[in-house]
Protein backbone atom coordinates (compact mmCIF):
# COMPACT_ATOMS: atom_id res chain seq x y z
CA UNK A 1 41.06 17.79 2.54
CA UNK A 2 40.91 17.09 6.17
CA UNK A 3 42.01 20.30 7.21
CA UNK A 4 39.83 22.26 4.64
CA UNK A 5 36.82 21.13 6.43
CA UNK A 6 38.46 21.61 10.07
CA UNK A 7 39.35 25.37 9.21
CA UNK A 8 35.67 25.91 7.90
CA UNK A 9 34.17 24.42 10.77
CA UNK A 10 36.29 26.94 12.96
CA UNK A 11 34.93 29.57 10.65
CA UNK A 12 31.53 28.46 10.85
CA UNK A 13 29.91 30.97 13.16
CA UNK A 14 31.69 33.60 12.11
CA UNK A 15 29.41 36.67 11.38
CA UNK A 16 30.08 37.59 7.86
CA UNK A 17 29.63 41.63 7.89
CA UNK A 18 28.72 43.22 4.66
CA UNK A 19 27.52 47.07 4.12
CA UNK A 20 23.98 46.89 4.15
CA UNK A 21 22.25 48.51 1.96
CA UNK A 22 19.21 50.94 2.37
CA UNK A 23 16.46 48.55 1.43
CA UNK A 24 14.41 48.69 4.75
CA UNK A 25 12.64 51.70 5.53
CA UNK A 26 12.67 52.98 9.19
CA UNK A 27 10.74 51.21 11.49
CA UNK A 28 7.91 52.94 13.40
CA UNK A 29 7.61 53.40 17.44
CA UNK A 30 4.49 51.83 17.62
CA UNK A 31 4.48 48.08 18.76
CA UNK A 32 2.71 45.50 16.45
CA UNK A 33 1.31 42.87 19.37
CA UNK A 34 1.84 39.70 18.15
CA UNK A 35 -1.82 37.76 17.12
CA UNK A 36 -1.66 34.27 18.34
CA UNK A 37 2.15 33.81 19.91
CA UNK A 38 2.45 32.97 24.01
CA UNK A 39 5.59 34.56 23.64
CA UNK A 40 6.52 37.92 25.71
CA UNK A 41 8.45 39.27 22.06
CA UNK A 42 6.58 42.04 20.86
CA UNK A 43 8.40 43.64 17.68
CA UNK A 44 7.83 47.06 16.54
CA UNK A 45 7.03 46.47 12.63
CA UNK A 46 8.65 48.30 9.29
CA UNK A 47 6.63 51.08 8.13
CA UNK A 48 5.81 50.87 4.92
CA UNK A 49 6.24 47.09 5.41
CA UNK A 50 8.85 45.20 3.22
CA UNK A 51 7.88 42.61 0.73
CA UNK A 52 10.05 39.48 0.48
CA UNK A 53 9.48 36.76 -1.64
CA UNK A 54 10.04 32.75 -0.89
CA UNK A 55 10.45 30.08 -2.57
CA UNK A 56 9.20 26.79 -1.31
CA UNK A 57 8.41 23.11 -2.44
CA UNK A 58 5.23 23.18 -0.39
CA UNK A 59 5.85 19.95 1.99
CA UNK A 60 5.27 19.46 5.37
CA UNK A 61 8.48 21.03 6.25
CA UNK A 62 7.81 24.18 5.44
CA UNK A 63 5.23 24.25 8.16
CA UNK A 64 7.22 26.97 10.17
CA UNK A 65 6.96 29.32 7.34
CA UNK A 66 3.33 28.63 6.55
CA UNK A 67 2.43 29.05 10.42
CA UNK A 68 4.10 32.01 10.73
CA UNK A 69 2.39 33.86 7.71
CA UNK A 70 -0.76 32.32 8.49
CA UNK A 71 -0.65 33.65 12.27
CA UNK A 72 0.66 37.00 11.33
CA UNK A 73 4.16 37.09 12.96
CA UNK A 74 5.73 38.47 9.54
CA UNK A 75 3.05 40.66 9.56
CA UNK A 76 3.91 42.03 12.66
CA UNK A 77 7.66 42.37 11.80
CA UNK A 78 6.60 44.77 8.77
CA UNK A 79 7.19 41.73 6.11
CA UNK A 80 4.75 41.21 3.50
CA UNK A 81 5.70 37.61 2.53
CA UNK A 82 5.37 36.09 -1.05
CA UNK A 83 5.32 32.60 -1.57
CA UNK A 84 6.32 30.98 -5.04
CA UNK A 85 6.14 27.38 -5.49
CA UNK A 86 9.34 25.10 -7.12
CA UNK A 87 9.96 21.71 -7.60
CA UNK A 88 13.33 21.69 -5.54
CA UNK A 89 15.73 24.08 -3.95
CA UNK A 90 17.90 23.79 -6.72
CA UNK A 91 15.52 25.43 -8.93
CA UNK A 92 15.72 28.38 -6.86
CA UNK A 93 19.38 29.18 -7.06
CA UNK A 94 19.28 31.13 -10.21
CA UNK A 95 16.06 33.35 -9.37
CA UNK A 96 18.03 33.74 -5.94
CA UNK A 97 20.90 35.05 -7.27
CA UNK A 98 18.77 37.72 -9.61
CA UNK A 99 16.83 39.09 -6.95
CA UNK A 100 13.70 37.42 -7.80
CA UNK A 101 13.59 35.52 -4.72
CA UNK A 102 15.24 36.68 -1.13
CA UNK A 103 15.21 33.46 0.33
CA UNK A 104 14.71 29.82 -0.61
CA UNK A 105 14.09 26.45 1.48
CA UNK A 106 14.60 22.74 0.57
CA UNK A 107 16.78 20.32 0.67
CA UNK A 108 20.68 19.97 0.70
CA UNK A 109 21.90 19.04 -2.93
CA UNK A 110 24.94 18.85 -4.65
CA UNK A 111 24.47 22.22 -7.14
CA UNK A 112 23.95 24.06 -4.21
CA UNK A 113 27.29 23.71 -2.66
CA UNK A 114 28.66 23.77 -6.65
CA UNK A 115 26.99 27.21 -7.12
CA UNK A 116 28.41 28.59 -3.90
CA UNK A 117 31.92 27.29 -5.02
CA UNK A 118 31.17 29.13 -8.34
CA UNK A 119 30.79 32.44 -6.50
CA UNK A 120 27.06 32.50 -6.15
CA UNK A 121 26.63 34.52 -3.01
CA UNK A 122 23.81 32.54 -0.93
CA UNK A 123 23.94 31.74 2.72
CA UNK A 124 22.83 28.96 4.69
CA UNK A 125 21.06 30.24 7.55
CA UNK A 126 18.71 28.45 9.56
CA UNK A 127 17.43 24.57 9.59
CA UNK A 128 14.32 23.59 8.11
CA UNK A 129 14.54 20.08 8.37
CA UNK A 130 16.69 17.63 10.40
CA UNK A 131 16.22 13.98 12.11
CA UNK A 132 16.84 14.34 15.54
CA UNK A 133 15.05 11.29 17.36
CA UNK A 134 13.01 8.21 15.62
CA UNK A 135 9.77 10.19 16.00
CA UNK A 136 10.76 12.75 13.88
CA UNK A 137 12.21 10.10 11.06
CA UNK A 138 10.74 11.90 7.63
CA UNK A 139 12.60 9.48 5.44
CA UNK A 140 13.19 5.98 5.05
CA UNK A 141 14.70 3.09 2.92
CA UNK A 142 11.41 1.48 1.90
CA UNK A 143 11.57 -2.36 0.73
CA UNK A 144 8.99 -4.33 -1.00
CA UNK A 145 7.05 -6.18 1.25
CA UNK A 146 7.35 -9.65 -0.63
CA UNK A 147 11.13 -9.61 -0.46
CA UNK A 148 11.18 -8.88 3.36
CA UNK A 149 8.39 -11.63 4.43
CA UNK A 150 10.28 -13.91 1.68
CA UNK A 151 13.52 -13.10 3.72
CA UNK A 152 15.56 -12.24 0.50
CA UNK A 153 16.43 -9.23 2.49
CA UNK A 154 17.38 -9.30 5.49
CA UNK A 155 20.38 -7.53 6.08
CA UNK A 156 22.58 -4.39 4.02
CA UNK A 157 24.29 -6.87 1.85
CA UNK A 158 21.25 -8.40 0.70
CA UNK A 159 20.47 -5.10 -1.32
CA UNK A 160 22.87 -6.12 -4.06
CA UNK A 161 21.59 -6.11 -7.42
CA UNK A 162 18.13 -4.84 -6.51
CA UNK A 163 16.36 -1.87 -8.22
CA UNK A 164 16.58 1.04 -5.97
CA UNK A 165 15.25 4.44 -6.44
CA UNK A 166 16.04 7.85 -5.51
CA UNK A 167 13.97 11.25 -6.10
CA UNK A 168 17.22 12.70 -7.59
CA UNK A 169 20.66 12.51 -8.27
CA UNK A 170 23.25 14.42 -5.69
CA UNK A 171 20.61 15.17 -3.52
CA UNK A 172 20.01 13.93 0.48
CA UNK A 173 18.06 10.82 -0.83
CA UNK A 174 20.99 9.66 -2.56
CA UNK A 175 23.38 10.27 0.19
CA UNK A 176 20.89 8.13 2.62
CA UNK A 177 20.88 5.24 -0.01
CA UNK A 178 24.76 5.33 -0.79
CA UNK A 179 25.13 5.46 3.27
CA UNK A 180 22.93 2.27 3.67
CA UNK A 181 24.56 0.55 0.91
CA UNK A 182 28.36 0.86 2.36
CA UNK A 183 26.68 -0.64 5.82
CA UNK A 184 26.55 -3.69 3.24
CA UNK A 185 29.97 -3.00 1.71
CA UNK A 186 28.48 -2.01 -1.37
CA UNK A 187 28.20 1.10 -3.54
CA UNK A 188 25.73 2.54 -5.70
CA UNK A 189 27.38 0.60 -8.91
CA UNK A 190 26.26 -3.07 -7.26
CA UNK A 191 22.56 -2.28 -7.46
CA UNK A 192 20.14 -1.07 -10.40
CA UNK A 193 19.90 2.80 -9.26
CA UNK A 194 17.46 4.86 -10.78
CA UNK A 195 15.30 7.80 -10.30
CA UNK A 196 11.46 8.72 -10.01
CA UNK A 197 9.45 11.64 -8.40
CA UNK A 198 7.68 10.38 -4.85
CA UNK A 199 4.08 9.80 -6.89
CA UNK A 200 5.69 7.31 -9.12
CA UNK A 201 7.50 5.69 -6.43
CA UNK A 202 4.45 4.62 -4.79
CA UNK A 203 3.34 3.20 -8.19
CA UNK A 204 6.25 1.65 -8.87
CA UNK A 205 6.12 -0.37 -5.88
CA UNK A 206 2.17 -1.84 -6.51
CA UNK A 207 3.64 -2.85 -10.12
CA UNK A 208 6.41 -4.38 -8.27
CA UNK A 209 8.60 -2.46 -10.90
CA UNK A 210 11.05 -1.84 -8.18
CA UNK A 211 12.74 -3.02 -5.07
CA UNK A 212 12.93 -0.77 -2.63
CA UNK A 213 13.38 3.17 -2.35
CA UNK A 214 14.41 6.18 -0.28
CA UNK A 215 10.99 7.79 0.59
CA UNK A 216 10.09 10.49 2.46
CA UNK A 217 6.35 10.96 4.26
CA UNK A 218 3.67 11.31 3.62
CA UNK A 219 4.74 8.85 0.81
CA UNK A 220 5.97 6.30 3.31
CA UNK A 221 2.70 5.96 4.90
CA UNK A 222 0.86 5.83 1.58
CA UNK A 223 3.38 2.66 0.64
CA UNK A 224 2.79 0.92 4.21
CA UNK A 225 -0.85 1.08 4.36
CA UNK A 226 -1.29 -0.19 0.49
CA UNK A 227 0.62 -3.13 1.79
CA UNK A 228 3.61 -3.16 -1.03
CA UNK A 229 6.34 -1.90 1.06
CA UNK A 230 8.02 -2.26 4.54
CA UNK A 231 9.34 0.99 6.15
CA UNK A 232 12.65 -1.44 6.93
CA UNK A 233 15.30 1.29 7.59
CA UNK A 234 14.85 4.59 9.04
CA UNK A 235 17.30 7.50 8.22
CA UNK A 236 18.46 7.57 12.03
CA UNK A 237 19.16 3.75 11.48
CA UNK A 238 21.15 4.43 8.50
CA UNK A 239 23.01 7.62 9.44
CA UNK A 240 23.27 6.89 13.32
CA UNK A 241 22.57 10.66 13.60
CA UNK A 242 20.75 13.53 12.83
CA UNK A 243 20.56 14.50 8.96
CA UNK A 244 20.10 18.13 7.75
CA UNK A 245 17.76 17.31 5.49
CA UNK A 246 16.11 21.01 4.61
CA UNK A 247 17.12 24.27 4.89
CA UNK A 248 16.68 27.91 4.75
CA UNK A 249 19.02 30.01 2.18
CA UNK A 250 19.26 34.13 2.18
CA UNK A 251 20.26 35.79 -1.10
CA UNK A 252 22.53 38.55 -1.26
CA UNK A 253 20.07 41.36 -0.92
CA UNK A 254 18.60 40.41 2.21
CA UNK A 255 21.87 38.90 3.79
CA UNK A 256 23.02 42.35 3.35
CA UNK A 257 20.03 43.84 5.33
CA UNK A 258 21.03 43.00 8.68
CA UNK A 259 17.24 44.23 10.46
CA UNK A 260 15.29 42.86 7.95
CA UNK A 261 17.08 39.11 7.91
CA UNK A 262 16.82 39.25 11.99
CA UNK A 263 13.41 40.04 11.74
CA UNK A 264 12.46 37.40 9.00
CA UNK A 265 13.98 34.87 10.94
CA UNK A 266 12.60 36.03 14.40
CA UNK A 267 9.24 35.48 12.59
CA UNK A 268 10.16 32.27 10.83
CA UNK A 269 11.30 30.75 14.15
CA UNK A 270 7.77 31.96 16.06
CA UNK A 271 6.35 29.82 13.56
CA UNK A 272 8.85 26.64 13.72
CA UNK A 273 8.41 26.83 17.27
CA UNK A 274 4.40 26.63 17.03
CA UNK A 275 4.86 23.64 14.77
CA UNK A 276 6.75 21.89 17.48
CA UNK A 277 4.06 22.42 20.02
CA UNK A 278 1.57 21.18 18.08
CA UNK A 279 3.43 17.96 16.73
CA UNK A 280 4.65 17.47 20.55
CA UNK A 281 3.44 15.76 23.54
CA UNK A 282 0.93 18.49 24.41
CA UNK A 283 -0.80 18.93 20.66
CA UNK A 284 -1.12 22.58 21.59
CA UNK A 285 -3.71 23.69 18.57
CA UNK A 286 -2.85 20.73 16.70
CA UNK A 287 -6.23 21.13 14.81
CA UNK A 288 -5.26 24.39 13.64
CA UNK A 289 -1.76 24.21 12.80
CA UNK A 290 -3.30 20.93 10.24
CA UNK A 291 -5.71 23.46 8.70
CA UNK A 292 -2.77 25.37 8.06
CA UNK A 293 -0.77 22.65 6.10
CA UNK A 294 -3.56 21.09 4.54
CA UNK A 295 -4.48 24.80 3.10
CA UNK A 296 -0.65 25.60 2.18
CA UNK A 297 1.11 22.14 1.35
CA UNK A 298 0.99 19.12 -0.89
CA UNK A 299 -0.31 17.18 1.77
CA UNK A 300 -4.07 18.13 1.95
CA UNK A 301 -5.95 15.28 3.43
CA UNK A 302 -5.99 16.30 7.24
CA UNK A 303 -6.23 12.07 8.19
CA UNK A 304 -2.63 11.58 6.55
CA UNK A 305 -1.50 13.65 9.11
CA UNK A 306 -2.48 11.03 11.88
CA UNK A 307 -0.38 8.29 9.79
CA UNK A 308 2.65 9.79 8.87
CA UNK A 309 5.47 11.26 11.12
CA UNK A 310 6.11 14.89 11.05
CA UNK A 311 9.04 16.17 9.63
CA UNK A 312 11.53 17.78 12.27
CA UNK A 313 12.43 21.06 12.80
CA UNK A 314 14.62 22.31 15.15
CA UNK A 315 12.64 24.89 17.36
CA UNK A 316 15.63 26.95 17.66
CA UNK A 317 16.04 27.11 14.20
CA UNK A 318 19.91 25.08 14.89
CA UNK A 319 21.64 23.67 11.48
CA UNK A 320 23.27 20.47 12.02
CA UNK A 321 26.87 21.42 10.98
CA UNK A 322 28.74 18.19 10.88
CA UNK A 323 25.78 16.82 8.86
CA UNK A 324 26.41 19.65 6.40
CA UNK A 325 30.10 18.48 6.35
CA UNK A 326 29.20 14.95 5.94
CA UNK A 327 26.85 15.66 2.73
CA UNK A 328 29.76 17.83 1.49
CA UNK A 329 32.41 15.61 1.40
CA UNK A 330 30.26 12.78 0.05
CA UNK A 331 29.64 15.02 -2.59
CA UNK A 332 33.15 15.66 -3.21
CA UNK A 333 34.19 11.82 -2.96
CA UNK A 334 31.89 10.73 -5.43
CA UNK A 335 32.85 13.76 -7.89
CA UNK A 336 29.99 15.77 -7.87
CA UNK A 337 31.42 18.71 -6.28
CA UNK A 338 34.65 19.45 -7.32
CA UNK A 339 35.95 22.78 -5.77
CA UNK A 340 34.58 23.15 -2.34
CA UNK A 341 33.09 25.88 -1.29
CA UNK A 342 34.23 28.33 1.84
CA UNK A 343 31.66 27.53 4.74
CA UNK A 344 32.93 30.16 6.61
CA UNK A 345 31.05 32.10 3.67
CA UNK A 346 28.24 30.05 2.93
CA UNK A 347 27.13 29.24 6.56
CA UNK A 348 25.96 32.07 8.62
CA UNK A 349 24.09 31.40 11.83
CA UNK A 350 24.25 34.86 13.35
CA UNK A 351 20.63 35.42 12.12
CA UNK A 352 19.13 32.16 13.80
CA UNK A 353 20.97 33.04 17.20
CA UNK A 354 19.45 36.72 16.89
CA UNK A 355 16.41 35.02 16.79
CA UNK A 356 16.75 32.63 19.81
CA UNK A 357 18.20 35.51 21.81
CA UNK A 358 15.07 37.58 20.89
CA UNK A 359 12.66 34.76 21.23
CA UNK A 360 14.45 33.36 24.77
CA UNK A 361 14.87 29.41 25.10
CA UNK A 362 12.01 27.26 23.38
CA UNK A 363 10.20 24.93 26.18
CA UNK A 364 7.72 22.62 24.90
CA UNK A 365 4.22 24.14 26.15
């Protein structure tokens, strides 16, 4: 198995060649000035514009998408972006494979790898959420406050027998919990493991219906402010590295149209960089970015952003390859992925690399 991963990793940055169908119209020769970006990048818009549809879960890690759309970066490329909401990335795989969606965004799960192994032609092309440093840590293992204060939970081994919850099976929250248990010599079989939606998790902490859970923002901040739970271990404490928690996925049609795929990616990364500027040290255009997020995500209260940690979005859209492989290995070892997909076909970083070259290196402003 190790050999399979090694050969896959060597091929990860291979640019997948495909004959591009005649989807994108011929671009005009009139450059369209970017509306608000401080970058010198000035695209030439497609004329007529092309409509692309993306699936989102509308959480704050979709911020780069919403900022780029609000500030006209997609329009400047000649792209009309239509946004459709879904519960999870898993729900987007079928419409992505049929062409109803051209782009999907969300958290990694075993089903995404299973779909690729079945031959569904999708490509993971960029980051949409990862934990690089503690200040960008979007997820945590939260434990009931009374269990911490009583001393019942002091170390990972103390989790044995507790009622622990994730938002679903075979997804990134399960990977975090399983890794935490492993640090105490435990497995999921050593705890009372179940699933709840994040709003239900908040209520379960209040009623003492659960002992702990893997939670993401803004629900972490809500539980802590309610006084019912403690942010016991951040995901970076558990995993000891950056964790790829969200990705951008292209469907077959868009991936084959190299020019259009590059245009979308470049506009997206402009939005991601504005997001980093806003949540970084200088808080550039912070108020306007909060406006965009409150208008487009499930976190509609501006005050919540002052309390919660922002989702980490790599300003260059770089994927954490090691994390992707670690997640896949966990799903295989736990029997949730039976056939390992060809990672050299599933992961394509060429569009992200093109966008970085077009925009130049990111510097915090």
